[in-house]
Amino acid sequence: MLVHWIWLAHKNGVSDRMKWKLLQHFRDPEDIFYADADTAAVIDGMTADNLKALQDKDLSEARKILEDCSRAKLKILTIQDAAYPAALKNIPDPPLVLYYKGQLPDLDSNPVIGVVGTRQASVYGLTAAKRMGYQIGKCGGIVVSGMAKGIDAMAMSGALTAGQATVGVLGCGADQVYPLSNKALFRDVEEYGCIVSEFAPGTPPMRQNFPKRNR
């Protein structure tokens, strides 16, 4: 059930790497939810703090996230879904759940190019970024960026101008427009591409989120 996916994905006290190990050992998050401490303790690297965290079976936060997703019209993708990007699945600590708006393009069958850069770009830099995004899109590539102002926004705008889907990966909830100056870009990406986040809806753009986003 989705509620168990969300329970595990946002379980404090357990690292993303350990959550992935748990999922590889058990069949699905529902099995992890109902497992006792002795069953989970056999996993390599499992700590006493991990086990204590896993014994907290409160689903109220997960249920609230599901309700928030429904209100914000966010779709939910789990790591076991066919559309989950294969390249992301192959890092050591993949997010178990992604929340998204728009239409997720086929990221496994097309070239995917990450374009990121400074927020305080020169006129030349902005022009070059938009041209680069346009050319990537025209060649069939998918631009993935962070939707920050500056280089990120211009590269994504260029891809959209080429008629190609683009993907914005956020360090906040996928329902949060950040920065506000990119509100028009958010609308366009939501309509012609996809806005993705591993953070629950309503999560503000906190500094500690961005290294996780960047991976």
Protein backbone atom coordinates (compact mmCIF):
# COMPACT_ATOMS: atom_id res chain seq x y z
CA MET A 1 0.00 0.00 0.00
CA LEU A 2 1.17 3.54 -0.74
CA VAL A 3 0.83 4.52 2.90
CA HIS A 4 3.56 2.02 3.82
CA TRP A 5 5.82 3.30 1.04
CA ILE A 6 5.50 6.82 2.40
CA TRP A 7 5.97 5.61 5.98
CA LEU A 8 9.30 4.04 5.03
CA ALA A 9 10.46 6.80 2.68
CA HIS A 10 10.09 9.45 5.39
CA LYS A 11 11.21 7.32 8.33
CA ASN A 12 13.55 9.41 10.48
CA GLY A 13 16.48 7.58 12.01
CA VAL A 14 17.03 5.33 8.97
CA SER A 15 19.32 6.40 6.13
CA ASP A 16 18.27 6.23 2.48
CA ARG A 17 20.93 3.58 1.93
CA MET A 18 19.52 1.40 4.75
CA LYS A 19 15.96 1.87 3.47
CA TRP A 20 17.11 0.55 0.08
CA LYS A 21 18.80 -2.42 1.80
CA LEU A 22 15.59 -3.15 3.69
CA LEU A 23 13.57 -3.07 0.50
CA GLN A 24 15.99 -5.45 -1.20
CA HIS A 25 15.75 -7.87 1.74
CA PHE A 26 11.97 -7.75 2.17
CA ARG A 27 9.35 -7.92 -0.56
CA ASP A 28 7.85 -4.46 -0.03
CA PRO A 29 7.40 -1.75 2.64
CA GLU A 30 4.31 -3.45 4.05
CA ASP A 31 6.47 -6.46 4.96
CA ILE A 32 9.00 -4.10 6.56
CA PHE A 33 6.21 -2.41 8.51
CA TYR A 34 5.01 -5.71 10.00
CA ALA A 35 8.48 -7.21 10.56
CA ASP A 36 9.69 -7.57 14.13
CA ALA A 37 13.06 -6.30 15.32
CA ASP A 38 14.72 -9.74 15.22
CA THR A 39 13.79 -10.21 11.56
CA ALA A 40 15.20 -6.82 10.55
CA ALA A 41 18.32 -7.13 12.72
CA VAL A 42 19.98 -9.60 10.32
CA ILE A 43 20.49 -6.93 7.66
CA ASP A 44 24.11 -5.85 7.30
CA GLY A 45 24.73 -2.45 8.88
CA MET A 46 21.48 -2.37 10.85
CA THR A 47 21.92 -0.40 14.08
CA ALA A 48 19.99 -0.27 17.33
CA ASP A 49 18.78 3.23 16.39
CA ASN A 50 17.55 1.92 13.03
CA LEU A 51 15.62 -0.86 14.74
CA LYS A 52 14.09 1.53 17.26
CA ALA A 53 12.94 3.84 14.46
CA LEU A 54 11.39 0.94 12.53
CA GLN A 55 9.35 -0.10 15.54
CA ASP A 56 7.45 3.17 15.37
CA LYS A 57 4.37 2.06 13.42
CA ASP A 58 2.52 5.38 13.44
CA LEU A 59 1.01 5.94 9.97
CA SER A 60 -0.61 9.32 10.68
CA GLU A 61 2.11 11.36 8.95
CA ALA A 62 2.04 9.08 5.91
CA ARG A 63 -1.74 9.36 5.67
CA LYS A 64 -1.50 13.16 5.88
CA ILE A 65 1.07 13.17 3.04
CA LEU A 66 -1.32 11.11 0.91
CA GLU A 67 -4.11 13.62 1.60
CA ASP A 68 -1.77 16.53 0.79
CA CYS A 69 -0.82 14.85 -2.50
CA SER A 70 -4.47 14.50 -3.40
CA ARG A 71 -5.16 18.17 -2.66
CA ALA A 72 -2.08 19.34 -4.59
CA LYS A 73 -2.78 16.90 -7.47
CA LEU A 74 0.63 15.28 -7.05
CA LYS A 75 1.28 11.85 -8.48
CA ILE A 76 3.37 9.29 -6.59
CA LEU A 77 6.03 7.04 -8.08
CA THR A 78 7.69 4.25 -6.08
CA ILE A 79 11.02 2.65 -6.80
CA GLN A 80 9.25 -0.58 -7.80
CA ASP A 81 7.14 1.14 -10.47
CA ALA A 82 8.13 0.53 -14.10
CA ALA A 83 8.43 4.28 -14.82
CA TYR A 84 10.99 4.84 -12.06
CA PRO A 85 14.27 5.90 -13.78
CA ALA A 86 16.72 2.99 -13.96
CA ALA A 87 19.78 5.24 -13.57
CA LEU A 88 18.41 6.70 -10.34
CA LYS A 89 17.66 3.22 -9.03
CA ASN A 90 21.33 2.28 -9.47
CA ILE A 91 22.81 4.84 -7.06
CA PRO A 92 23.60 3.61 -3.51
CA ASP A 93 20.85 5.63 -1.82
CA PRO A 94 17.93 6.19 -4.22
CA PRO A 95 14.76 7.89 -2.99
CA LEU A 96 12.09 5.23 -2.49
CA VAL A 97 9.26 7.59 -3.41
CA LEU A 98 9.03 10.48 -5.87
CA TYR A 99 6.23 13.03 -5.98
CA TYR A 100 5.59 14.72 -9.31
CA LYS A 101 3.40 17.02 -11.36
CA GLY A 102 2.97 16.80 -15.10
CA GLN A 103 3.92 13.87 -17.31
CA LEU A 104 7.07 11.91 -16.52
CA PRO A 105 8.93 11.34 -19.82
CA ASP A 106 10.62 8.04 -20.66
CA LEU A 107 13.97 8.70 -18.99
CA ASP A 108 15.34 5.26 -19.84
CA SER A 109 14.85 5.41 -23.62
CA ASN A 110 16.11 8.94 -24.29
CA PRO A 111 19.40 10.74 -23.60
CA VAL A 112 19.10 12.62 -20.31
CA ILE A 113 21.35 15.67 -19.88
CA GLY A 114 21.73 17.51 -16.58
CA VAL A 115 22.25 21.24 -17.08
CA VAL A 116 23.03 23.30 -13.98
CA GLY A 117 24.87 26.54 -13.36
CA THR A 118 25.10 29.81 -11.53
CA ARG A 119 22.05 31.79 -10.48
CA GLN A 120 23.90 35.05 -11.14
CA ALA A 121 24.69 34.45 -14.80
CA SER A 122 25.93 36.95 -17.38
CA VAL A 123 23.83 37.82 -20.41
CA TYR A 124 26.12 35.63 -22.49
CA GLY A 125 25.73 32.75 -20.03
CA LEU A 126 21.94 32.99 -20.11
CA THR A 127 21.92 33.09 -23.90
CA ALA A 128 24.28 30.12 -24.14
CA ALA A 129 22.21 28.10 -21.63
CA LYS A 130 18.98 28.69 -23.53
CA ARG A 131 20.67 27.78 -26.82
CA MET A 132 22.14 24.63 -25.24
CA GLY A 133 18.75 23.56 -23.87
CA TYR A 134 17.16 24.18 -27.26
CA GLN A 135 19.77 22.14 -29.13
CA ILE A 136 19.57 19.26 -26.63
CA GLY A 137 15.80 19.22 -27.07
CA LYS A 138 16.04 19.34 -30.86
CA CYS A 139 18.42 16.35 -30.79
CA GLY A 140 15.90 14.33 -28.74
CA GLY A 141 17.58 14.79 -25.36
CA ILE A 142 15.75 15.53 -22.11
CA VAL A 143 17.10 18.43 -20.04
CA VAL A 144 17.01 17.78 -16.30
CA SER A 145 17.77 20.70 -14.00
CA GLY A 146 17.00 22.23 -10.63
CA MET A 147 14.65 25.02 -11.77
CA ALA A 148 16.80 27.67 -10.06
CA LYS A 149 16.92 31.12 -11.61
CA GLY A 150 19.77 31.76 -14.02
CA ILE A 151 21.35 28.95 -16.02
CA ASP A 152 18.92 26.24 -14.85
CA ALA A 153 15.82 28.18 -15.84
CA MET A 154 17.20 29.25 -19.22
CA ALA A 155 18.28 25.72 -20.19
CA MET A 156 14.83 24.39 -19.34
CA SER A 157 13.17 27.25 -21.20
CA GLY A 158 15.28 26.42 -24.26
CA ALA A 159 14.22 22.77 -24.16
CA LEU A 160 10.57 23.78 -23.96
CA THR A 161 11.03 26.13 -26.92
CA ALA A 162 12.32 23.13 -28.88
CA GLY A 163 9.10 21.27 -28.09
CA GLN A 164 10.80 18.74 -25.85
CA ALA A 165 9.77 17.68 -22.35
CA THR A 166 12.04 18.80 -19.53
CA VAL A 167 12.29 17.70 -15.89
CA GLY A 168 12.76 19.96 -12.88
CA VAL A 169 14.07 18.34 -9.69
CA LEU A 170 13.29 20.34 -6.55
CA GLY A 171 14.82 20.69 -3.10
CA CYS A 172 11.35 21.35 -1.69
CA GLY A 173 7.90 19.86 -2.16
CA ALA A 174 6.77 19.52 -5.78
CA ASP A 175 3.83 21.78 -4.89
CA GLN A 176 6.15 24.66 -3.93
CA VAL A 177 7.08 27.30 -6.52
CA TYR A 178 10.69 28.22 -5.78
CA PRO A 179 11.96 30.72 -6.62
CA LEU A 180 8.76 32.71 -7.09
CA SER A 181 10.38 34.55 -10.02
CA ASN A 182 10.13 31.27 -11.98
CA LYS A 183 6.36 30.92 -11.56
CA ALA A 184 5.71 31.05 -15.32
CA LEU A 185 8.41 28.42 -15.95
CA PHE A 186 6.83 26.15 -13.33
CA ARG A 187 3.49 26.35 -15.13
CA ASP A 188 5.13 25.54 -18.47
CA VAL A 189 7.18 22.63 -17.09
CA GLU A 190 4.12 21.21 -15.34
CA GLU A 191 2.16 21.35 -18.62
CA TYR A 192 4.86 20.18 -21.03
CA GLY A 193 7.23 18.24 -18.79
CA CYS A 194 7.52 17.17 -15.19
CA ILE A 195 8.31 18.64 -11.76
CA VAL A 196 9.76 16.03 -9.39
CA SER A 197 10.72 15.91 -5.71
CA GLU A 198 11.49 13.27 -3.12
CA PHE A 199 10.29 15.69 -0.42
CA ALA A 200 6.73 15.59 0.86
CA PRO A 201 4.28 18.26 -0.33
CA GLY A 202 4.54 21.43 1.69
CA THR A 203 8.25 20.97 2.41
CA PRO A 204 9.95 24.39 2.20
CA PRO A 205 13.25 24.90 0.31
CA MET A 206 15.58 24.30 3.27
CA ARG A 207 19.36 24.38 2.81
CA GLN A 208 19.88 20.77 3.93
CA ASN A 209 17.52 19.49 1.23
CA PHE A 210 19.62 20.58 -1.71
CA PRO A 211 22.53 18.08 -1.43
CA LYS A 212 19.90 15.31 -1.45
CA ARG A 213 18.22 16.92 -4.47
CA ASN A 214 21.55 17.21 -6.28
CA ARG A 215 22.42 13.52 -6.02
